[in-house]
PDB file of N, CA and C in Angstrom:
ATOM      1  N   MET A   1       8.157 -16.787  10.507  1.00  0.00           N
ATOM      2  CA  MET A   1       6.874 -16.082  10.183  1.00  0.00           C
ATOM      3  C   MET A   1       7.194 -14.616  10.127  1.00  0.00           C
ATOM      4  N   SER A   2       6.381 -14.018   9.308  1.00  0.00           N
ATOM      5  CA  SER A   2       6.633 -12.559   9.240  1.00  0.00           C
ATOM      6  C   SER A   2       5.469 -11.876   9.949  1.00  0.00           C
ATOM      7  N   MET A   3       5.181 -10.519   9.433  1.00  0.00           N
ATOM      8  CA  MET A   3       4.194  -9.770   9.952  1.00  0.00           C
ATOM      9  C   MET A   3       2.859 -10.461  10.057  1.00  0.00           C
ATOM     10  N   PHE A   4       2.061 -10.306  11.153  1.00  0.00           N
ATOM     11  CA  PHE A   4       0.656 -10.838  11.264  1.00  0.00           C
ATOM     12  C   PHE A   4       0.820 -12.455  11.394  1.00  0.00           C
ATOM     13  N   GLY A   5       2.073 -12.922  11.615  1.00  0.00           N
ATOM     14  CA  GLY A   5       2.118 -14.473  11.799  1.00  0.00           C
ATOM     15  C   GLY A   5       2.005 -15.122  10.395  1.00  0.00           C
ATOM     16  N   MET A   6       1.938 -14.535   9.431  1.00  0.00           N
ATOM     17  CA  MET A   6       1.716 -15.078   8.050  1.00  0.00           C
ATOM     18  C   MET A   6       2.946 -14.987   7.110  1.00  0.00           C
ATOM     19  N   ASP A   7       3.195 -16.034   6.291  1.00  0.00           N
ATOM     20  CA  ASP A   7       4.395 -15.949   5.377  1.00  0.00           C
ATOM     21  C   ASP A   7       3.589 -15.320   4.170  1.00  0.00           C
ATOM     22  N   ASP A   8       4.488 -15.100   3.231  1.00  0.00           N
ATOM     23  CA  ASP A   8       4.116 -14.488   1.962  1.00  0.00           C
ATOM     24  C   ASP A   8       2.950 -15.298   1.109  1.00  0.00           C
ATOM     25  N   ASN A   9       3.106 -16.602   1.319  1.00  0.00           N
ATOM     26  CA  ASN A   9       2.144 -17.571   0.615  1.00  0.00           C
ATOM     27  C   ASN A   9       0.791 -17.331   1.277  1.00  0.00           C
ATOM     28  N   THR A  10       0.672 -17.422   2.601  1.00  0.00           N
ATOM     29  CA  THR A  10      -0.525 -17.197   3.328  1.00  0.00           C
ATOM     30  C   THR A  10      -1.215 -15.801   2.999  1.00  0.00           C
ATOM     31  N   LYS A  11      -0.277 -14.739   2.875  1.00  0.00           N
ATOM     32  CA  LYS A  11      -0.807 -13.368   2.757  1.00  0.00           C
ATOM     33  C   LYS A  11      -1.461 -13.437   1.232  1.00  0.00           C
ATOM     34  N   CYS A  12      -0.899 -14.214   0.294  1.00  0.00           N
ATOM     35  CA  CYS A  12      -1.417 -14.219  -1.010  1.00  0.00           C
ATOM     36  C   CYS A  12      -2.745 -15.057  -1.056  1.00  0.00           C
ATOM     37  N   LEU A  13      -2.882 -16.101  -0.329  1.00  0.00           N
ATOM     38  CA  LEU A  13      -4.002 -16.904  -0.160  1.00  0.00           C
ATOM     39  C   LEU A  13      -5.075 -15.909   0.406  1.00  0.00           C
ATOM     40  N   LEU A  14      -4.733 -15.120   1.456  1.00  0.00           N
ATOM     41  CA  LEU A  14      -5.675 -14.388   2.231  1.00  0.00           C
ATOM     42  C   LEU A  14      -6.240 -13.334   1.055  1.00  0.00           C
ATOM     43  N   ILE A  15      -5.405 -12.756   0.301  1.00  0.00           N
ATOM     44  CA  ILE A  15      -5.822 -11.802  -0.705  1.00  0.00           C
ATOM     45  C   ILE A  15      -6.795 -12.528  -1.717  1.00  0.00           C
ATOM     46  N   GLN A  16      -6.473 -13.705  -2.118  1.00  0.00           N
ATOM     47  CA  GLN A  16      -7.241 -14.460  -3.148  1.00  0.00           C
ATOM     48  C   GLN A  16      -8.666 -14.767  -2.543  1.00  0.00           C
ATOM     49  N   GLU A  17      -8.665 -15.221  -1.322  1.00  0.00           N
ATOM     50  CA  GLU A  17      -9.914 -15.667  -0.578  1.00  0.00           C
ATOM     51  C   GLU A  17     -10.755 -14.303  -0.451  1.00  0.00           C
ATOM     52  N   VAL A  18     -10.188 -13.227  -0.137  1.00  0.00           N
ATOM     53  CA  VAL A  18     -11.173 -12.046   0.011  1.00  0.00           C
ATOM     54  C   VAL A  18     -11.544 -11.732  -1.413  1.00  0.00           C
ATOM     55  N   TYR A  19     -10.819 -11.660  -2.316  1.00  0.00           N
ATOM     56  CA  TYR A  19     -11.209 -11.275  -3.633  1.00  0.00           C
ATOM     57  C   TYR A  19     -12.347 -11.975  -4.191  1.00  0.00           C
ATOM     58  N   GLN A  20     -12.254 -13.367  -3.799  1.00  0.00           N
ATOM     59  CA  GLN A  20     -13.479 -14.167  -4.288  1.00  0.00           C
ATOM     60  C   GLN A  20     -14.689 -14.145  -3.657  1.00  0.00           C
ATOM     61  N   ARG A  21     -14.674 -13.022  -2.637  1.00  0.00           N
ATOM     62  CA  ARG A  21     -15.888 -12.774  -1.946  1.00  0.00           C
ATOM     63  C   ARG A  21     -16.322 -11.072  -1.917  1.00  0.00           C
ATOM     64  N   PRO A  22     -16.653 -10.740  -3.148  1.00  0.00           N
ATOM     65  CA  PRO A  22     -16.961  -9.489  -3.267  1.00  0.00           C
ATOM     66  C   PRO A  22     -17.838  -8.670  -2.222  1.00  0.00           C
ATOM     67  N   LEU A  23     -18.690  -9.658  -1.653  1.00  0.00           N
ATOM     68  CA  LEU A  23     -19.580  -8.947  -0.597  1.00  0.00           C
ATOM     69  C   LEU A  23     -18.712  -8.289   0.605  1.00  0.00           C
ATOM     70  N   LEU A  24     -17.497  -8.601   0.634  1.00  0.00           N
ATOM     71  CA  LEU A  24     -16.564  -8.070   1.671  1.00  0.00           C
ATOM     72  C   LEU A  24     -15.989  -6.743   1.243  1.00  0.00           C
ATOM     73  N   TRP A  25     -15.954  -6.413  -0.049  1.00  0.00           N
ATOM     74  CA  TRP A  25     -15.201  -5.316  -0.440  1.00  0.00           C
ATOM     75  C   TRP A  25     -15.852  -4.561  -1.648  1.00  0.00           C
ATOM     76  N   LYS A  26     -17.013  -4.879  -2.050  1.00  0.00           N
ATOM     77  CA  LYS A  26     -17.675  -4.280  -3.197  1.00  0.00           C
ATOM     78  C   LYS A  26     -18.848  -3.805  -2.742  1.00  0.00           C
ATOM     79  N   ALA A  27     -18.943  -2.516  -2.658  1.00  0.00           N
ATOM     80  CA  ALA A  27     -20.203  -1.793  -2.080  1.00  0.00           C
ATOM     81  C   ALA A  27     -21.420  -2.137  -2.977  1.00  0.00           C
ATOM     82  N   SER A  28     -21.235  -2.334  -4.310  1.00  0.00           N
ATOM     83  CA  SER A  28     -22.353  -2.584  -5.253  1.00  0.00           C
ATOM     84  C   SER A  28     -22.895  -3.992  -5.038  1.00  0.00           C
ATOM     85  N   ASP A  29     -22.233  -4.938  -4.449  1.00  0.00           N
ATOM     86  CA  ASP A  29     -22.557  -6.344  -4.318  1.00  0.00           C
ATOM     87  C   ASP A  29     -23.904  -6.345  -3.579  1.00  0.00           C
ATOM     88  N   PRO A  30     -24.848  -7.069  -3.991  1.00  0.00           N
ATOM     89  CA  PRO A  30     -26.144  -7.148  -3.357  1.00  0.00           C
ATOM     90  C   PRO A  30     -26.133  -7.610  -1.817  1.00  0.00           C
ATOM     91  N   HIS A  31     -25.096  -8.357  -1.529  1.00  0.00           N
ATOM     92  CA  HIS A  31     -24.961  -8.928  -0.266  1.00  0.00           C
ATOM     93  C   HIS A  31     -23.984  -8.055   0.777  1.00  0.00           C
ATOM     94  N   TYR A  32     -23.496  -6.950   0.219  1.00  0.00           N
ATOM     95  CA  TYR A  32     -22.615  -6.081   0.891  1.00  0.00           C
ATOM     96  C   TYR A  32     -23.166  -5.701   2.301  1.00  0.00           C
ATOM     97  N   ALA A  33     -24.381  -5.405   2.448  1.00  0.00           N
ATOM     98  CA  ALA A  33     -24.943  -4.982   3.880  1.00  0.00           C
ATOM     99  C   ALA A  33     -25.434  -6.046   4.650  1.00  0.00           C
ATOM    100  N   ASP A  34     -25.231  -7.337   4.155  1.00  0.00           N
ATOM    101  CA  ASP A  34     -25.873  -8.460   4.856  1.00  0.00           C
ATOM    102  C   ASP A  34     -24.692  -8.815   5.852  1.00  0.00           C
ATOM    103  N   ILE A  35     -24.858  -8.375   7.184  1.00  0.00           N
ATOM    104  CA  ILE A  35     -23.954  -8.780   8.038  1.00  0.00           C
ATOM    105  C   ILE A  35     -23.541 -10.137   8.391  1.00  0.00           C
ATOM    106  N   ALA A  36     -24.745 -10.975   8.406  1.00  0.00           N
ATOM    107  CA  ALA A  36     -24.643 -12.476   8.631  1.00  0.00           C
ATOM    108  C   ALA A  36     -23.827 -13.150   7.448  1.00  0.00           C
ATOM    109  N   ALA A  37     -24.103 -12.767   6.089  1.00  0.00           N
ATOM    110  CA  ALA A  37     -23.404 -13.234   5.122  1.00  0.00           C
ATOM    111  C   ALA A  37     -21.883 -12.810   5.108  1.00  0.00           C
ATOM    112  N   ARG A  38     -21.701 -11.666   5.546  1.00  0.00           N
ATOM    113  CA  ARG A  38     -20.245 -11.183   5.596  1.00  0.00           C
ATOM    114  C   ARG A  38     -19.535 -11.910   6.652  1.00  0.00           C
ATOM    115  N   TRP A  39     -20.248 -12.065   7.850  1.00  0.00           N
ATOM    116  CA  TRP A  39     -19.613 -13.001   8.945  1.00  0.00           C
ATOM    117  C   TRP A  39     -19.255 -14.410   8.351  1.00  0.00           C
ATOM    118  N   ASP A  40     -20.096 -15.005   7.690  1.00  0.00           N
ATOM    119  CA  ASP A  40     -19.906 -16.234   7.172  1.00  0.00           C
ATOM    120  C   ASP A  40     -18.706 -16.304   6.207  1.00  0.00           C
ATOM    121  N   ALA A  41     -18.667 -15.204   5.364  1.00  0.00           N
ATOM    122  CA  ALA A  41     -17.488 -15.144   4.416  1.00  0.00           C
ATOM    123  C   ALA A  41     -16.118 -15.184   5.249  1.00  0.00           C
ATOM    124  N   PHE A  42     -16.126 -14.340   6.317  1.00  0.00           N
ATOM    125  CA  PHE A  42     -14.877 -14.215   7.045  1.00  0.00           C
ATOM    126  C   PHE A  42     -14.677 -15.497   7.650  1.00  0.00           C
ATOM    127  N   ASN A  43     -15.545 -16.222   8.363  1.00  0.00           N
ATOM    128  CA  ASN A  43     -15.265 -17.618   8.860  1.00  0.00           C
ATOM    129  C   ASN A  43     -14.743 -18.552   7.709  1.00  0.00           C
ATOM    130  N   GLU A  44     -15.312 -18.572   6.450  1.00  0.00           N
ATOM    131  CA  GLU A  44     -14.820 -19.279   5.400  1.00  0.00           C
ATOM    132  C   GLU A  44     -13.404 -19.057   5.028  1.00  0.00           C
ATOM    133  N   ILE A  45     -13.000 -17.785   5.201  1.00  0.00           N
ATOM    134  CA  ILE A  45     -11.608 -17.391   4.929  1.00  0.00           C
ATOM    135  C   ILE A  45     -10.800 -17.862   6.080  1.00  0.00           C
ATOM    136  N   ALA A  46     -11.194 -17.765   7.225  1.00  0.00           N
ATOM    137  CA  ALA A  46     -10.513 -18.166   8.456  1.00  0.00           C
ATOM    138  C   ALA A  46     -10.127 -19.817   8.360  1.00  0.00           C
ATOM    139  N   GLN A  47     -11.159 -20.639   7.858  1.00  0.00           N
ATOM    140  CA  GLN A  47     -11.050 -21.963   7.669  1.00  0.00           C
ATOM    141  C   GLN A  47     -10.101 -22.225   6.591  1.00  0.00           C
ATOM    142  N   ALA A  48     -10.042 -21.506   5.380  1.00  0.00           N
ATOM    143  CA  ALA A  48      -9.250 -21.671   4.319  1.00  0.00           C
ATOM    144  C   ALA A  48      -7.714 -21.452   4.719  1.00  0.00           C
ATOM    145  N   LEU A  49      -7.499 -20.439   5.736  1.00  0.00           N
ATOM    146  CA  LEU A  49      -6.115 -20.149   6.016  1.00  0.00           C
ATOM    147  C   LEU A  49      -5.625 -20.947   7.144  1.00  0.00           C
ATOM    148  N   SER A  50      -6.343 -21.658   7.792  1.00  0.00           N
ATOM    149  CA  SER A  50      -5.875 -22.464   9.032  1.00  0.00           C
ATOM    150  C   SER A  50      -5.330 -23.744   8.460  1.00  0.00           C
ATOM    151  N   ASP A  51      -4.300 -24.158   9.219  1.00  0.00           N
ATOM    152  CA  ASP A  51      -3.742 -25.570   9.142  1.00  0.00           C
ATOM    153  C   ASP A  51      -3.451 -26.183  10.403  1.00  0.00           C
ATOM    154  N   ASP A  52      -2.688 -27.219  10.367  1.00  0.00           N
ATOM    155  CA  ASP A  52      -2.458 -27.871  11.659  1.00  0.00           C
ATOM    156  C   ASP A  52      -1.633 -27.092  12.790  1.00  0.00           C
ATOM    157  N   GLU A  53      -0.818 -26.249  12.228  1.00  0.00           N
ATOM    158  CA  GLU A  53      -0.111 -25.351  13.186  1.00  0.00           C
ATOM    159  C   GLU A  53      -0.819 -24.061  13.635  1.00  0.00           C
ATOM    160  N   VAL A  54      -1.534 -23.470  12.762  1.00  0.00           N
ATOM    161  CA  VAL A  54      -2.130 -22.181  12.937  1.00  0.00           C
ATOM    162  C   VAL A  54      -3.622 -22.267  12.729  1.00  0.00           C
ATOM    163  N   LYS A  55      -4.405 -21.739  13.757  1.00  0.00           N
ATOM    164  CA  LYS A  55      -5.762 -21.749  13.481  1.00  0.00           C
ATOM    165  C   LYS A  55      -6.277 -20.316  13.494  1.00  0.00           C
ATOM    166  N   PHE A  56      -6.912 -19.789  12.455  1.00  0.00           N
ATOM    167  CA  PHE A  56      -7.427 -18.473  12.372  1.00  0.00           C
ATOM    168  C   PHE A  56      -8.929 -18.613  12.717  1.00  0.00           C
ATOM    169  N   SER A  57      -9.494 -17.541  13.301  1.00  0.00           N
ATOM    170  CA  SER A  57     -10.916 -17.609  13.667  1.00  0.00           C
ATOM    171  C   SER A  57     -11.381 -16.154  13.753  1.00  0.00           C
ATOM    172  N   CYS A  58     -12.602 -16.063  13.770  1.00  0.00           N
ATOM    173  CA  CYS A  58     -13.374 -14.711  13.755  1.00  0.00           C
ATOM    174  C   CYS A  58     -13.864 -14.348  15.072  1.00  0.00           C
ATOM    175  N   ALA A  59     -13.556 -15.255  15.978  1.00  0.00           N
ATOM    176  CA  ALA A  59     -14.187 -14.987  17.527  1.00  0.00           C
ATOM    177  C   ALA A  59     -13.368 -13.869  18.145  1.00  0.00           C
TER     178      ALA A  59
END
């Protein structure tokens, strides 16, 4: 494992998952200010990155 406990493939997946959710990074997105929606998006990303060995969470 490298920095942040993620290999390069996992880092790429993280970038892709965030990119697919513009409410996290695009201020003009209509849901950008919706804290609950942003929290849900981060939880979805955590689930997408988790596997049998490593569990990511937003807790």
